[in-house]
């Protein structure tokens, strides 16, 4: 294994992390922006008003996107094991 192989695996790992966390992060951002707009319009500054809906949206998104995330992690695992099997 040389530096190029290590960098390829590292790049694939980082890309897998970005793709796997993308749906949850996007849901949290969308709900956060909507709640921030509602708070700005109504001038209600309650901390739990932002926290609880974000957590619920993230949990629902994780439940819905779990097969996609699992497939991405499986793809990365297959890549790493195939490179180990072939001797890099």
Protein backbone atom coordinates (compact mmCIF):
# COMPACT_ATOMS: atom_id res chain seq x y z
CA UNK A 1 0.00 0.00 0.00
CA UNK A 2 1.46 3.30 -1.04
CA UNK A 3 0.40 6.90 -0.43
CA UNK A 4 -1.89 7.01 -3.47
CA UNK A 5 -3.89 4.00 -2.22
CA UNK A 6 -4.21 5.51 1.23
CA UNK A 7 -5.40 8.81 -0.24
CA UNK A 8 -7.94 7.03 -2.44
CA UNK A 9 -9.40 5.19 0.55
CA UNK A 10 -9.39 8.37 2.62
CA UNK A 11 -11.16 10.29 -0.15
CA UNK A 12 -13.77 7.54 -0.45
CA UNK A 13 -14.26 7.55 3.34
CA UNK A 14 -14.76 11.31 3.50
CA UNK A 15 -17.13 11.24 0.54
CA UNK A 16 -19.13 8.43 2.22
CA UNK A 17 -19.40 10.47 5.41
CA UNK A 18 -20.62 13.52 3.48
CA UNK A 19 -23.19 11.52 1.51
CA UNK A 20 -24.39 9.57 4.56
CA UNK A 21 -24.85 12.64 6.76
CA UNK A 22 -26.32 14.81 4.00
CA UNK A 23 -30.04 14.01 4.43
CA UNK A 24 -30.02 14.59 8.20
CA UNK A 25 -28.03 17.81 7.94
CA UNK A 26 -30.27 19.12 5.16
CA UNK A 27 -33.41 18.37 7.17
CA UNK A 28 -31.97 20.12 10.21
CA UNK A 29 -31.04 23.17 8.15
CA UNK A 30 -34.44 23.45 6.48
CA UNK A 31 -36.34 23.11 9.75
CA UNK A 32 -33.95 25.55 11.45
CA UNK A 33 -34.49 28.18 8.77
CA UNK A 34 -38.28 27.76 8.90
CA UNK A 35 -38.33 28.02 12.70
CA UNK A 36 -36.00 31.04 12.59
CA UNK A 37 -38.34 32.78 10.15
CA UNK A 38 -41.34 32.00 12.36
CA UNK A 39 -39.47 33.33 15.40
CA UNK A 40 -38.51 36.49 13.55
CA UNK A 41 -42.07 37.10 12.41
CA UNK A 42 -43.68 36.45 15.79
CA UNK A 43 -40.80 37.74 17.95
CA UNK A 44 -40.97 34.64 20.13
CA UNK A 45 -37.44 33.73 21.27
CA UNK A 46 -37.85 30.34 22.91
CA UNK A 47 -34.91 27.92 22.76
CA UNK A 48 -37.01 24.75 22.91
CA UNK A 49 -38.97 25.97 19.90
CA UNK A 50 -35.88 25.46 17.74
CA UNK A 51 -34.52 22.33 19.41
CA UNK A 52 -37.51 19.97 19.48
CA UNK A 53 -38.66 20.33 15.84
CA UNK A 54 -35.08 19.91 14.58
CA UNK A 55 -34.61 16.70 16.57
CA UNK A 56 -37.93 15.32 15.33
CA UNK A 57 -37.16 16.21 11.71
CA UNK A 58 -33.69 14.67 11.92
CA UNK A 59 -35.01 11.45 13.48
CA UNK A 60 -37.74 11.12 10.83
CA UNK A 61 -35.22 11.81 8.06
CA UNK A 62 -32.81 9.23 9.45
CA UNK A 63 -35.63 6.69 9.54
CA UNK A 64 -36.62 7.39 5.95
CA UNK A 65 -33.09 7.58 4.52
CA UNK A 66 -31.65 4.62 6.44
CA UNK A 67 -31.66 2.25 3.41
CA UNK A 68 -29.81 4.84 1.32
CA UNK A 69 -27.23 5.49 4.03
CA UNK A 70 -26.77 1.77 4.62
CA UNK A 71 -26.22 1.21 0.90
CA UNK A 72 -23.55 3.92 0.81
CA UNK A 73 -21.73 2.44 3.80
CA UNK A 74 -22.01 -1.04 2.25
CA UNK A 75 -20.54 0.30 -1.00
CA UNK A 76 -17.59 1.81 0.85
CA UNK A 77 -17.04 -1.38 2.86
CA UNK A 78 -17.10 -3.45 -0.32
CA UNK A 79 -14.55 -1.08 -1.89
CA UNK A 80 -12.18 -1.35 1.06
CA UNK A 81 -12.47 -5.14 1.34
CA UNK A 82 -11.97 -5.62 -2.39
CA UNK A 83 -8.82 -3.49 -2.25
CA UNK A 84 -7.56 -5.52 0.70
CA UNK A 85 -8.32 -8.77 -1.11
CA UNK A 86 -6.53 -7.67 -4.28
CA UNK A 87 -3.53 -6.54 -2.29
CA UNK A 88 -4.00 -2.87 -3.20
